[in-house]
PDB file of all heavy atoms in Angstrom:
ATOM      1  N   SER A   1       0.846  -1.175  -0.042  1.00  0.00           N
ATOM      2  CA  SER A   1       0.080   0.087  -0.016  1.00  0.00           C
ATOM      3  C   SER A   1       0.866   1.254   0.032  1.00  0.00           C
ATOM      4  O   SER A   1       1.847   1.375   0.808  1.00  0.00           O
ATOM      5  CB  SER A   1      -0.904   0.012   1.225  1.00  0.00           C
ATOM      6  OG  SER A   1      -1.537   1.317   1.373  1.00  0.00           O
ATOM      7  N   PHE A   2       0.600   2.129  -0.931  1.00  0.00           N
ATOM      8  CA  PHE A   2       1.432   3.379  -0.983  1.00  0.00           C
ATOM      9  C   PHE A   2       1.203   4.176   0.320  1.00  0.00           C
ATOM     10  O   PHE A   2       1.996   5.123   0.585  1.00  0.00           O
ATOM     11  CB  PHE A   2       1.025   4.197  -2.215  1.00  0.00           C
ATOM     12  CG  PHE A   2       1.368   3.584  -3.524  1.00  0.00           C
ATOM     13  CD1 PHE A   2       0.476   3.480  -4.613  1.00  0.00           C
ATOM     14  CD2 PHE A   2       2.600   2.957  -3.701  1.00  0.00           C
ATOM     15  CE1 PHE A   2       0.776   2.870  -5.852  1.00  0.00           C
ATOM     16  CE2 PHE A   2       2.892   2.281  -4.869  1.00  0.00           C
ATOM     17  CZ  PHE A   2       2.093   2.276  -5.974  1.00  0.00           C
ATOM     18  N   ALA A   3       0.148   3.902   1.030  1.00  0.00           N
ATOM     19  CA  ALA A   3      -0.097   4.742   2.138  1.00  0.00           C
ATOM     20  C   ALA A   3       0.575   4.180   3.434  1.00  0.00           C
ATOM     21  O   ALA A   3       0.534   4.843   4.549  1.00  0.00           O
ATOM     22  CB  ALA A   3      -1.624   4.759   2.471  1.00  0.00           C
ATOM     23  N   SER A   4       1.168   3.004   3.310  1.00  0.00           N
ATOM     24  CA  SER A   4       1.798   2.582   4.564  1.00  0.00           C
ATOM     25  C   SER A   4       3.029   3.264   4.947  1.00  0.00           C
ATOM     26  O   SER A   4       3.777   3.699   4.105  1.00  0.00           O
ATOM     27  CB  SER A   4       2.200   0.982   4.251  1.00  0.00           C
ATOM     28  OG  SER A   4       3.159   0.948   3.076  1.00  0.00           O
ATOM     29  N   SER A   5       3.159   3.467   6.180  1.00  0.00           N
ATOM     30  CA  SER A   5       4.299   4.288   6.814  1.00  0.00           C
ATOM     31  C   SER A   5       4.678   3.669   8.087  1.00  0.00           C
ATOM     32  O   SER A   5       3.805   3.597   9.072  1.00  0.00           O
ATOM     33  CB  SER A   5       3.754   5.686   6.979  1.00  0.00           C
ATOM     34  OG  SER A   5       4.951   6.501   7.442  1.00  0.00           O
ATOM     35  N   PRO A   6       5.927   3.177   8.215  1.00  0.00           N
ATOM     36  CA  PRO A   6       6.924   3.125   7.189  1.00  0.00           C
ATOM     37  C   PRO A   6       6.519   2.216   6.050  1.00  0.00           C
ATOM     38  O   PRO A   6       5.599   1.264   6.287  1.00  0.00           O
ATOM     39  CB  PRO A   6       8.154   2.617   7.845  1.00  0.00           C
ATOM     40  CG  PRO A   6       7.679   1.830   9.000  1.00  0.00           C
ATOM     41  CD  PRO A   6       6.446   2.612   9.454  1.00  0.00           C
ATOM     42  N   PRO A   7       7.061   2.235   4.858  1.00  0.00           N
ATOM     43  CA  PRO A   7       6.568   1.394   3.740  1.00  0.00           C
ATOM     44  C   PRO A   7       6.594  -0.171   4.217  1.00  0.00           C
ATOM     45  O   PRO A   7       7.688  -0.535   4.654  1.00  0.00           O
ATOM     46  CB  PRO A   7       7.595   1.750   2.671  1.00  0.00           C
ATOM     47  CG  PRO A   7       8.043   2.999   2.918  1.00  0.00           C
ATOM     48  CD  PRO A   7       8.111   3.165   4.422  1.00  0.00           C
ATOM     49  N   LEU A   8       5.549  -0.879   3.892  1.00  0.00           N
ATOM     50  CA  LEU A   8       5.504  -2.190   4.249  1.00  0.00           C
ATOM     51  C   LEU A   8       5.048  -3.135   3.000  1.00  0.00           C
ATOM     52  O   LEU A   8       4.149  -2.682   2.215  1.00  0.00           O
ATOM     53  CB  LEU A   8       4.413  -2.499   5.319  1.00  0.00           C
ATOM     54  CG  LEU A   8       4.267  -3.777   6.011  1.00  0.00           C
ATOM     55  CD1 LEU A   8       5.481  -4.095   6.918  1.00  0.00           C
ATOM     56  CD2 LEU A   8       3.051  -3.904   6.718  1.00  0.00           C
ATOM     57  N   VAL A   9       5.740  -4.184   2.888  1.00  0.00           N
ATOM     58  CA  VAL A   9       5.346  -5.201   1.866  1.00  0.00           C
ATOM     59  C   VAL A   9       4.881  -6.466   2.439  1.00  0.00           C
ATOM     60  O   VAL A   9       5.477  -6.988   3.477  1.00  0.00           O
ATOM     61  CB  VAL A   9       6.612  -5.516   0.893  1.00  0.00           C
ATOM     62  CG1 VAL A   9       6.129  -6.545  -0.186  1.00  0.00           C
ATOM     63  CG2 VAL A   9       7.035  -4.251   0.251  1.00  0.00           C
ATOM     64  N   VAL A  10       3.692  -7.017   2.032  1.00  0.00           N
ATOM     65  CA  VAL A  10       3.172  -8.197   2.558  1.00  0.00           C
ATOM     66  C   VAL A  10       3.405  -9.364   1.430  1.00  0.00           C
ATOM     67  O   VAL A  10       3.053  -9.070   0.224  1.00  0.00           O
ATOM     68  CB  VAL A  10       1.713  -8.050   2.765  1.00  0.00           C
ATOM     69  CG1 VAL A  10       1.128  -9.372   3.453  1.00  0.00           C
ATOM     70  CG2 VAL A  10       1.461  -6.903   3.765  1.00  0.00           C
ATOM     71  N   ARG A  11       3.800 -10.487   1.928  1.00  0.00           N
ATOM     72  CA  ARG A  11       4.081 -11.490   1.063  1.00  0.00           C
ATOM     73  C   ARG A  11       3.326 -12.789   1.571  1.00  0.00           C
ATOM     74  O   ARG A  11       3.577 -13.216   2.666  1.00  0.00           O
ATOM     75  CB  ARG A  11       5.573 -11.932   0.854  1.00  0.00           C
ATOM     76  CG  ARG A  11       5.736 -13.167  -0.153  1.00  0.00           C
ATOM     77  CD  ARG A  11       7.302 -13.371  -0.311  1.00  0.00           C
ATOM     78  NE  ARG A  11       7.976 -13.887   0.796  1.00  0.00           N
ATOM     79  CZ  ARG A  11       9.206 -14.193   0.833  1.00  0.00           C
ATOM     80  NH1 ARG A  11      10.047 -13.939  -0.173  1.00  0.00           N
ATOM     81  NH2 ARG A  11       9.794 -14.688   1.935  1.00  0.00           N
ATOM     82  N   GLU A  12       2.397 -13.272   0.795  1.00  0.00           N
ATOM     83  CA  GLU A  12       1.605 -14.465   1.107  1.00  0.00           C
ATOM     84  C   GLU A  12       1.841 -15.539   0.261  1.00  0.00           C
ATOM     85  O   GLU A  12       1.709 -15.425  -1.024  1.00  0.00           O
ATOM     86  CB  GLU A  12       0.141 -14.139   1.163  1.00  0.00           C
ATOM     87  CG  GLU A  12      -0.772 -15.263   1.519  1.00  0.00           C
ATOM     88  CD  GLU A  12      -2.255 -14.961   1.293  1.00  0.00           C
ATOM     89  OE1 GLU A  12      -2.844 -14.176   2.231  1.00  0.00           O
ATOM     90  OE2 GLU A  12      -2.855 -15.275   0.298  1.00  0.00           O
ATOM     91  N   THR A  13       2.349 -16.744   0.710  1.00  0.00           N
ATOM     92  CA  THR A  13       2.439 -17.875  -0.162  1.00  0.00           C
ATOM     93  C   THR A  13       1.590 -18.988   0.326  1.00  0.00           C
ATOM     94  O   THR A  13       1.313 -19.225   1.542  1.00  0.00           O
ATOM     95  CB  THR A  13       3.927 -18.481  -0.072  1.00  0.00           C
ATOM     96  OG1 THR A  13       4.231 -18.656   1.340  1.00  0.00           O
ATOM     97  CG2 THR A  13       4.999 -17.448  -0.499  1.00  0.00           C
ATOM     98  N   SER A  14       0.894 -19.662  -0.688  1.00  0.00           N
ATOM     99  CA  SER A  14      -0.125 -20.706  -0.353  1.00  0.00           C
ATOM    100  C   SER A  14       0.030 -21.801  -1.376  1.00  0.00           C
ATOM    101  O   SER A  14       0.160 -21.617  -2.543  1.00  0.00           O
ATOM    102  CB  SER A  14      -1.600 -19.971  -0.542  1.00  0.00           C
ATOM    103  OG  SER A  14      -1.757 -18.959   0.364  1.00  0.00           O
ATOM    104  N   GLY A  15      -0.157 -22.964  -0.792  1.00  0.00           N
ATOM    105  CA  GLY A  15      -0.101 -24.228  -1.574  1.00  0.00           C
ATOM    106  C   GLY A  15      -1.365 -25.103  -1.419  1.00  0.00           C
ATOM    107  O   GLY A  15      -1.788 -25.279  -0.291  1.00  0.00           O
ATOM    108  N   TRP A  16      -1.879 -25.522  -2.502  1.00  0.00           N
ATOM    109  CA  TRP A  16      -3.046 -26.449  -2.517  1.00  0.00           C
ATOM    110  C   TRP A  16      -2.753 -27.701  -3.390  1.00  0.00           C
ATOM    111  O   TRP A  16      -1.989 -27.583  -4.352  1.00  0.00           O
ATOM    112  CB  TRP A  16      -4.268 -25.764  -3.070  1.00  0.00           C
ATOM    113  CG  TRP A  16      -4.800 -24.532  -2.215  1.00  0.00           C
ATOM    114  CD1 TRP A  16      -5.701 -24.554  -1.362  1.00  0.00           C
ATOM    115  CD2 TRP A  16      -4.411 -23.212  -2.511  1.00  0.00           C
ATOM    116  NE1 TRP A  16      -6.032 -23.312  -0.869  1.00  0.00           N
ATOM    117  CE2 TRP A  16      -5.276 -22.370  -1.663  1.00  0.00           C
ATOM    118  CE3 TRP A  16      -3.600 -22.645  -3.441  1.00  0.00           C
ATOM    119  CZ2 TRP A  16      -5.109 -21.043  -1.638  1.00  0.00           C
ATOM    120  CZ3 TRP A  16      -3.350 -21.206  -3.332  1.00  0.00           C
ATOM    121  CH2 TRP A  16      -4.219 -20.445  -2.427  1.00  0.00           C
ATOM    122  N   GLU A  17      -3.458 -28.708  -3.041  1.00  0.00           N
ATOM    123  CA  GLU A  17      -3.232 -30.012  -3.857  1.00  0.00           C
ATOM    124  C   GLU A  17      -4.508 -30.862  -3.627  1.00  0.00           C
ATOM    125  O   GLU A  17      -4.981 -30.952  -2.496  1.00  0.00           O
ATOM    126  CB  GLU A  17      -1.980 -30.704  -3.445  1.00  0.00           C
ATOM    127  CG  GLU A  17      -1.608 -31.989  -4.252  1.00  0.00           C
ATOM    128  CD  GLU A  17      -0.335 -32.650  -3.667  1.00  0.00           C
ATOM    129  OE1 GLU A  17      -0.475 -33.447  -2.725  1.00  0.00           O
ATOM    130  OE2 GLU A  17       0.739 -32.484  -4.138  1.00  0.00           O
ATOM    131  N   ALA A  18      -4.892 -31.576  -4.604  1.00  0.00           N
ATOM    132  CA  ALA A  18      -6.024 -32.521  -4.558  1.00  0.00           C
ATOM    133  C   ALA A  18      -5.834 -33.617  -5.583  1.00  0.00           C
ATOM    134  O   ALA A  18      -5.336 -33.436  -6.681  1.00  0.00           O
ATOM    135  CB  ALA A  18      -7.382 -31.819  -4.637  1.00  0.00           C
ATOM    136  N   PRO A  19      -6.460 -34.810  -5.267  1.00  0.00           N
ATOM    137  CA  PRO A  19      -6.441 -35.918  -6.308  1.00  0.00           C
ATOM    138  C   PRO A  19      -7.184 -35.351  -7.605  1.00  0.00           C
ATOM    139  O   PRO A  19      -8.147 -34.537  -7.454  1.00  0.00           O
ATOM    140  CB  PRO A  19      -7.201 -36.957  -5.618  1.00  0.00           C
ATOM    141  CG  PRO A  19      -7.051 -36.785  -4.090  1.00  0.00           C
ATOM    142  CD  PRO A  19      -7.094 -35.190  -4.007  1.00  0.00           C
ATOM    143  N   TYR A  20      -6.737 -35.819  -8.650  1.00  0.00           N
ATOM    144  CA  TYR A  20      -7.319 -35.363 -10.002  1.00  0.00           C
ATOM    145  C   TYR A  20      -8.805 -35.651 -10.016  1.00  0.00           C
ATOM    146  O   TYR A  20      -9.615 -34.663 -10.386  1.00  0.00           O
ATOM    147  CB  TYR A  20      -6.712 -36.297 -11.091  1.00  0.00           C
ATOM    148  CG  TYR A  20      -7.009 -35.921 -12.475  1.00  0.00           C
ATOM    149  CD1 TYR A  20      -6.347 -35.072 -13.289  1.00  0.00           C
ATOM    150  CD2 TYR A  20      -8.157 -36.576 -13.109  1.00  0.00           C
ATOM    151  CE1 TYR A  20      -6.655 -34.723 -14.530  1.00  0.00           C
ATOM    152  CE2 TYR A  20      -8.576 -36.218 -14.477  1.00  0.00           C
ATOM    153  CZ  TYR A  20      -7.701 -35.324 -15.133  1.00  0.00           C
ATOM    154  OH  TYR A  20      -8.107 -35.011 -16.410  1.00  0.00           O
ATOM    155  N   ASP A  21      -9.379 -36.801  -9.697  1.00  0.00           N
ATOM    156  CA  ASP A  21     -10.749 -36.997  -9.666  1.00  0.00           C
ATOM    157  C   ASP A  21     -11.642 -36.143  -8.817  1.00  0.00           C
ATOM    158  O   ASP A  21     -12.764 -35.744  -9.231  1.00  0.00           O
ATOM    159  CB  ASP A  21     -11.082 -38.519  -9.374  1.00  0.00           C
ATOM    160  CG  ASP A  21     -10.672 -39.460 -10.452  1.00  0.00           C
ATOM    161  OD1 ASP A  21     -10.390 -38.946 -11.602  1.00  0.00           O
ATOM    162  OD2 ASP A  21     -10.521 -40.723 -10.063  1.00  0.00           O
ATOM    163  N   ARG A  22     -11.077 -35.723  -7.712  1.00  0.00           N
ATOM    164  CA  ARG A  22     -11.791 -34.716  -6.876  1.00  0.00           C
ATOM    165  C   ARG A  22     -12.178 -33.482  -7.459  1.00  0.00           C
ATOM    166  O   ARG A  22     -13.176 -32.783  -7.404  1.00  0.00           O
ATOM    167  CB  ARG A  22     -11.073 -34.607  -5.534  1.00  0.00           C
ATOM    168  CG  ARG A  22     -11.786 -33.710  -4.507  1.00  0.00           C
ATOM    169  CD  ARG A  22     -11.623 -34.066  -3.149  1.00  0.00           C
ATOM    170  NE  ARG A  22     -12.481 -33.469  -2.186  1.00  0.00           N
ATOM    171  CZ  ARG A  22     -12.918 -33.847  -0.997  1.00  0.00           C
ATOM    172  NH1 ARG A  22     -12.380 -35.074  -0.684  1.00  0.00           N
ATOM    173  NH2 ARG A  22     -13.760 -33.337  -0.333  1.00  0.00           N
ATOM    174  N   VAL A  23     -11.014 -32.868  -8.250  1.00  0.00           N
ATOM    175  CA  VAL A  23     -11.271 -31.746  -8.937  1.00  0.00           C
ATOM    176  C   VAL A  23     -12.057 -31.892 -10.149  1.00  0.00           C
ATOM    177  O   VAL A  23     -13.033 -31.085 -10.480  1.00  0.00           O
ATOM    178  CB  VAL A  23      -9.880 -31.121  -9.351  1.00  0.00           C
ATOM    179  CG1 VAL A  23     -10.017 -29.864 -10.213  1.00  0.00           C
ATOM    180  CG2 VAL A  23      -9.030 -30.890  -8.212  1.00  0.00           C
ATOM    181  N   LYS A  24     -11.803 -32.964 -10.920  1.00  0.00           N
ATOM    182  CA  LYS A  24     -12.677 -33.282 -12.147  1.00  0.00           C
ATOM    183  C   LYS A  24     -14.245 -33.351 -11.712  1.00  0.00           C
ATOM    184  O   LYS A  24     -14.971 -32.926 -12.637  1.00  0.00           O
ATOM    185  CB  LYS A  24     -12.255 -34.627 -12.636  1.00  0.00           C
ATOM    186  CG  LYS A  24     -12.918 -34.875 -14.070  1.00  0.00           C
ATOM    187  CD  LYS A  24     -12.317 -36.211 -14.601  1.00  0.00           C
ATOM    188  CE  LYS A  24     -13.118 -36.622 -15.895  1.00  0.00           C
ATOM    189  NZ  LYS A  24     -12.565 -37.908 -16.386  1.00  0.00           N
ATOM    190  N   TYR A  25     -14.497 -33.922 -10.616  1.00  0.00           N
ATOM    191  CA  TYR A  25     -15.847 -34.041 -10.147  1.00  0.00           C
ATOM    192  C   TYR A  25     -16.598 -32.644 -10.114  1.00  0.00           C
ATOM    193  O   TYR A  25     -17.782 -32.595 -10.208  1.00  0.00           O
ATOM    194  CB  TYR A  25     -15.888 -34.668  -8.767  1.00  0.00           C
ATOM    195  CG  TYR A  25     -17.220 -34.818  -8.229  1.00  0.00           C
ATOM    196  CD1 TYR A  25     -18.178 -35.907  -8.696  1.00  0.00           C
ATOM    197  CD2 TYR A  25     -17.810 -34.063  -7.262  1.00  0.00           C
ATOM    198  CE1 TYR A  25     -19.319 -36.110  -8.166  1.00  0.00           C
ATOM    199  CE2 TYR A  25     -19.098 -34.232  -6.714  1.00  0.00           C
ATOM    200  CZ  TYR A  25     -19.851 -35.257  -7.118  1.00  0.00           C
ATOM    201  OH  TYR A  25     -21.134 -35.401  -6.722  1.00  0.00           O
ATOM    202  N   ARG A  26     -15.847 -31.615  -9.967  1.00  0.00           N
ATOM    203  CA  ARG A  26     -16.426 -30.234  -9.897  1.00  0.00           C
ATOM    204  C   ARG A  26     -16.673 -29.608 -11.212  1.00  0.00           C
ATOM    205  O   ARG A  26     -17.028 -28.363 -11.252  1.00  0.00           O
ATOM    206  CB  ARG A  26     -15.507 -29.311  -9.064  1.00  0.00           C
ATOM    207  CG  ARG A  26     -15.169 -29.858  -7.571  1.00  0.00           C
ATOM    208  CD  ARG A  26     -16.411 -29.760  -6.661  1.00  0.00           C
ATOM    209  NE  ARG A  26     -16.704 -28.401  -6.363  1.00  0.00           N
ATOM    210  CZ  ARG A  26     -16.130 -27.714  -5.326  1.00  0.00           C
ATOM    211  NH1 ARG A  26     -15.255 -28.268  -4.534  1.00  0.00           N
ATOM    212  NH2 ARG A  26     -16.421 -26.459  -5.101  1.00  0.00           N
ATOM    213  N   LEU A  27     -16.423 -30.220 -12.330  1.00  0.00           N
ATOM    214  CA  LEU A  27     -16.578 -29.679 -13.599  1.00  0.00           C
ATOM    215  C   LEU A  27     -18.098 -29.236 -13.790  1.00  0.00           C
ATOM    216  O   LEU A  27     -19.114 -29.979 -13.388  1.00  0.00           O
ATOM    217  CB  LEU A  27     -16.295 -30.687 -14.697  1.00  0.00           C
ATOM    218  CG  LEU A  27     -14.781 -30.949 -15.031  1.00  0.00           C
ATOM    219  CD1 LEU A  27     -14.569 -32.196 -15.909  1.00  0.00           C
ATOM    220  CD2 LEU A  27     -14.189 -29.675 -15.734  1.00  0.00           C
ATOM    221  N   PRO A  28     -18.283 -28.050 -14.344  1.00  0.00           N
ATOM    222  CA  PRO A  28     -19.611 -27.657 -14.591  1.00  0.00           C
ATOM    223  C   PRO A  28     -20.455 -28.473 -15.576  1.00  0.00           C
ATOM    224  O   PRO A  28     -21.632 -28.750 -15.328  1.00  0.00           O
ATOM    225  CB  PRO A  28     -19.479 -26.192 -15.198  1.00  0.00           C
ATOM    226  CG  PRO A  28     -18.016 -25.802 -14.890  1.00  0.00           C
ATOM    227  CD  PRO A  28     -17.356 -27.054 -14.729  1.00  0.00           C
ATOM    228  N   LYS A  29     -19.703 -29.043 -16.528  1.00  0.00           N
ATOM    229  CA  LYS A  29     -20.332 -29.946 -17.556  1.00  0.00           C
ATOM    230  C   LYS A  29     -19.441 -31.167 -17.642  1.00  0.00           C
ATOM    231  O   LYS A  29     -18.253 -31.072 -17.962  1.00  0.00           O
ATOM    232  CB  LYS A  29     -20.550 -29.212 -18.917  1.00  0.00           C
ATOM    233  CG  LYS A  29     -21.299 -28.115 -18.927  1.00  0.00           C
ATOM    234  CD  LYS A  29     -21.388 -27.441 -20.307  1.00  0.00           C
ATOM    235  CE  LYS A  29     -22.286 -26.105 -20.267  1.00  0.00           C
ATOM    236  NZ  LYS A  29     -22.261 -25.397 -21.692  1.00  0.00           N
ATOM    237  N   ARG A  30     -20.069 -32.310 -17.470  1.00  0.00           N
ATOM    238  CA  ARG A  30     -19.268 -33.627 -17.360  1.00  0.00           C
ATOM    239  C   ARG A  30     -18.509 -33.826 -18.716  1.00  0.00           C
ATOM    240  O   ARG A  30     -17.482 -34.467 -18.747  1.00  0.00           O
ATOM    241  CB  ARG A  30     -20.223 -34.819 -17.101  1.00  0.00           C
ATOM    242  CG  ARG A  30     -20.862 -34.662 -15.786  1.00  0.00           C
ATOM    243  CD  ARG A  30     -19.848 -34.741 -14.633  1.00  0.00           C
ATOM    244  NE  ARG A  30     -20.634 -34.724 -13.417  1.00  0.00           N
ATOM    245  CZ  ARG A  30     -19.979 -34.366 -12.197  1.00  0.00           C
ATOM    246  NH1 ARG A  30     -18.671 -34.002 -12.293  1.00  0.00           N
ATOM    247  NH2 ARG A  30     -20.591 -34.212 -11.130  1.00  0.00           N
ATOM    248  N   ASP A  31     -19.099 -33.421 -19.866  1.00  0.00           N
ATOM    249  CA  ASP A  31     -18.535 -33.687 -21.144  1.00  0.00           C
ATOM    250  C   ASP A  31     -17.558 -32.639 -21.688  1.00  0.00           C
ATOM    251  O   ASP A  31     -17.067 -32.655 -22.731  1.00  0.00           O
ATOM    252  CB  ASP A  31     -19.617 -34.051 -22.172  1.00  0.00           C
ATOM    253  CG  ASP A  31     -20.519 -32.853 -22.378  1.00  0.00           C
ATOM    254  OD1 ASP A  31     -20.451 -31.951 -21.575  1.00  0.00           O
ATOM    255  OD2 ASP A  31     -21.339 -32.906 -23.361  1.00  0.00           O
ATOM    256  N   ASP A  32     -17.354 -31.609 -20.783  1.00  0.00           N
ATOM    257  CA  ASP A  32     -16.438 -30.633 -21.164  1.00  0.00           C
ATOM    258  C   ASP A  32     -15.307 -30.582 -20.171  1.00  0.00           C
ATOM    259  O   ASP A  32     -15.354 -30.020 -19.131  1.00  0.00           O
ATOM    260  CB  ASP A  32     -17.172 -29.180 -21.126  1.00  0.00           C
ATOM    261  CG  ASP A  32     -16.228 -28.062 -21.598  1.00  0.00           C
ATOM    262  OD1 ASP A  32     -15.202 -28.313 -22.063  1.00  0.00           O
ATOM    263  OD2 ASP A  32     -16.709 -26.847 -21.525  1.00  0.00           O
ATOM    264  N   LEU A  33     -14.194 -30.997 -20.773  1.00  0.00           N
ATOM    265  CA  LEU A  33     -12.903 -30.976 -19.772  1.00  0.00           C
ATOM    266  C   LEU A  33     -12.024 -29.770 -19.830  1.00  0.00           C
ATOM    267  O   LEU A  33     -11.012 -29.756 -19.175  1.00  0.00           O
ATOM    268  CB  LEU A  33     -12.050 -32.277 -20.123  1.00  0.00           C
ATOM    269  CG  LEU A  33     -12.758 -33.578 -20.131  1.00  0.00           C
ATOM    270  CD1 LEU A  33     -11.741 -34.726 -20.405  1.00  0.00           C
ATOM    271  CD2 LEU A  33     -13.456 -33.845 -18.723  1.00  0.00           C
ATOM    272  N   THR A  34     -12.409 -28.865 -20.684  1.00  0.00           N
ATOM    273  CA  THR A  34     -11.569 -27.584 -20.900  1.00  0.00           C
ATOM    274  C   THR A  34     -11.337 -26.957 -19.625  1.00  0.00           C
ATOM    275  O   THR A  34     -10.065 -26.410 -19.518  1.00  0.00           O
ATOM    276  CB  THR A  34     -12.473 -26.617 -21.729  1.00  0.00           C
ATOM    277  OG1 THR A  34     -12.931 -27.204 -22.989  1.00  0.00           O
ATOM    278  CG2 THR A  34     -11.584 -25.411 -22.083  1.00  0.00           C
ATOM    279  N   PRO A  35     -12.090 -26.767 -18.587  1.00  0.00           N
ATOM    280  CA  PRO A  35     -11.675 -26.090 -17.364  1.00  0.00           C
ATOM    281  C   PRO A  35     -10.435 -26.752 -16.640  1.00  0.00           C
ATOM    282  O   PRO A  35      -9.744 -26.146 -15.968  1.00  0.00           O
ATOM    283  CB  PRO A  35     -12.887 -26.179 -16.431  1.00  0.00           C
ATOM    284  CG  PRO A  35     -14.109 -26.222 -17.309  1.00  0.00           C
ATOM    285  CD  PRO A  35     -13.546 -27.131 -18.459  1.00  0.00           C
ATOM    286  N   LEU A  36     -10.268 -27.965 -16.894  1.00  0.00           N
ATOM    287  CA  LEU A  36      -9.104 -28.755 -16.357  1.00  0.00           C
ATOM    288  C   LEU A  36      -7.753 -28.221 -16.801  1.00  0.00           C
ATOM    289  O   LEU A  36      -6.702 -28.609 -16.245  1.00  0.00           O
ATOM    290  CB  LEU A  36      -9.185 -30.226 -16.561  1.00  0.00           C
ATOM    291  CG  LEU A  36     -10.471 -30.978 -16.024  1.00  0.00           C
ATOM    292  CD1 LEU A  36     -10.386 -32.412 -16.268  1.00  0.00           C
ATOM    293  CD2 LEU A  36     -10.656 -30.720 -14.455  1.00  0.00           C
ATOM    294  N   THR A  37      -7.819 -27.328 -17.841  1.00  0.00           N
ATOM    295  CA  THR A  37      -6.529 -26.744 -18.430  1.00  0.00           C
ATOM    296  C   THR A  37      -6.436 -25.339 -18.081  1.00  0.00           C
ATOM    297  O   THR A  37      -5.552 -24.653 -18.495  1.00  0.00           O
ATOM    298  CB  THR A  37      -6.495 -26.997 -19.888  1.00  0.00           C
ATOM    299  OG1 THR A  37      -7.570 -26.184 -20.546  1.00  0.00           O
ATOM    300  CG2 THR A  37      -6.701 -28.462 -20.304  1.00  0.00           C
ATOM    301  N   ASP A  38      -7.330 -24.845 -17.297  1.00  0.00           N
ATOM    302  CA  ASP A  38      -7.522 -23.363 -16.883  1.00  0.00           C
ATOM    303  C   ASP A  38      -6.824 -23.152 -15.457  1.00  0.00           C
ATOM    304  O   ASP A  38      -7.589 -23.503 -14.522  1.00  0.00           O
ATOM    305  CB  ASP A  38      -8.857 -22.921 -16.949  1.00  0.00           C
ATOM    306  CG  ASP A  38      -9.021 -21.440 -16.635  1.00  0.00           C
ATOM    307  OD1 ASP A  38      -7.964 -20.754 -16.363  1.00  0.00           O
ATOM    308  OD2 ASP A  38     -10.133 -20.884 -16.654  1.00  0.00           O
ATOM    309  N   PRO A  39      -5.711 -22.526 -15.400  1.00  0.00           N
ATOM    310  CA  PRO A  39      -5.111 -22.409 -14.122  1.00  0.00           C
ATOM    311  C   PRO A  39      -5.999 -21.616 -13.095  1.00  0.00           C
ATOM    312  O   PRO A  39      -5.999 -21.893 -11.928  1.00  0.00           O
ATOM    313  CB  PRO A  39      -3.847 -21.572 -14.317  1.00  0.00           C
ATOM    314  CG  PRO A  39      -3.433 -21.984 -15.694  1.00  0.00           C
ATOM    315  CD  PRO A  39      -4.795 -22.152 -16.479  1.00  0.00           C
ATOM    316  N   MET A  40      -6.726 -20.591 -13.585  1.00  0.00           N
ATOM    317  CA  MET A  40      -7.607 -19.809 -12.770  1.00  0.00           C
ATOM    318  C   MET A  40      -8.802 -20.736 -12.200  1.00  0.00           C
ATOM    319  O   MET A  40      -9.122 -20.640 -10.962  1.00  0.00           O
ATOM    320  CB  MET A  40      -8.202 -18.645 -13.440  1.00  0.00           C
ATOM    321  CG  MET A  40      -7.130 -17.575 -13.801  1.00  0.00           C
ATOM    322  SD  MET A  40      -7.848 -16.118 -14.640  1.00  0.00           S
ATOM    323  CE  MET A  40      -8.789 -15.455 -13.262  1.00  0.00           C
ATOM    324  N   TRP A  41      -9.274 -21.472 -13.006  1.00  0.00           N
ATOM    325  CA  TRP A  41     -10.373 -22.404 -12.565  1.00  0.00           C
ATOM    326  C   TRP A  41      -9.816 -23.501 -11.586  1.00  0.00           C
ATOM    327  O   TRP A  41     -10.483 -23.713 -10.539  1.00  0.00           O
ATOM    328  CB  TRP A  41     -10.986 -23.150 -13.738  1.00  0.00           C
ATOM    329  CG  TRP A  41     -12.279 -23.976 -13.345  1.00  0.00           C
ATOM    330  CD1 TRP A  41     -13.556 -23.459 -13.234  1.00  0.00           C
ATOM    331  CD2 TRP A  41     -12.327 -25.366 -13.098  1.00  0.00           C
ATOM    332  NE1 TRP A  41     -14.336 -24.549 -12.886  1.00  0.00           N
ATOM    333  CE2 TRP A  41     -13.644 -25.747 -12.649  1.00  0.00           C
ATOM    334  CE3 TRP A  41     -11.304 -26.329 -13.108  1.00  0.00           C
ATOM    335  CZ2 TRP A  41     -14.048 -27.050 -12.415  1.00  0.00           C
ATOM    336  CZ3 TRP A  41     -11.740 -27.663 -12.710  1.00  0.00           C
ATOM    337  CH2 TRP A  41     -13.013 -28.004 -12.440  1.00  0.00           C
TER     338      TRP A  41
END
């Protein structure tokens, strides 16, 4: 934040992991695997 005084930088690191099928189960459409290649999704 440019308003921080003295200047402060925040660093957050986060790691997640799950079995493939658990994520695949959350697909909006069963026959569309495209989201599985989308890092944001």
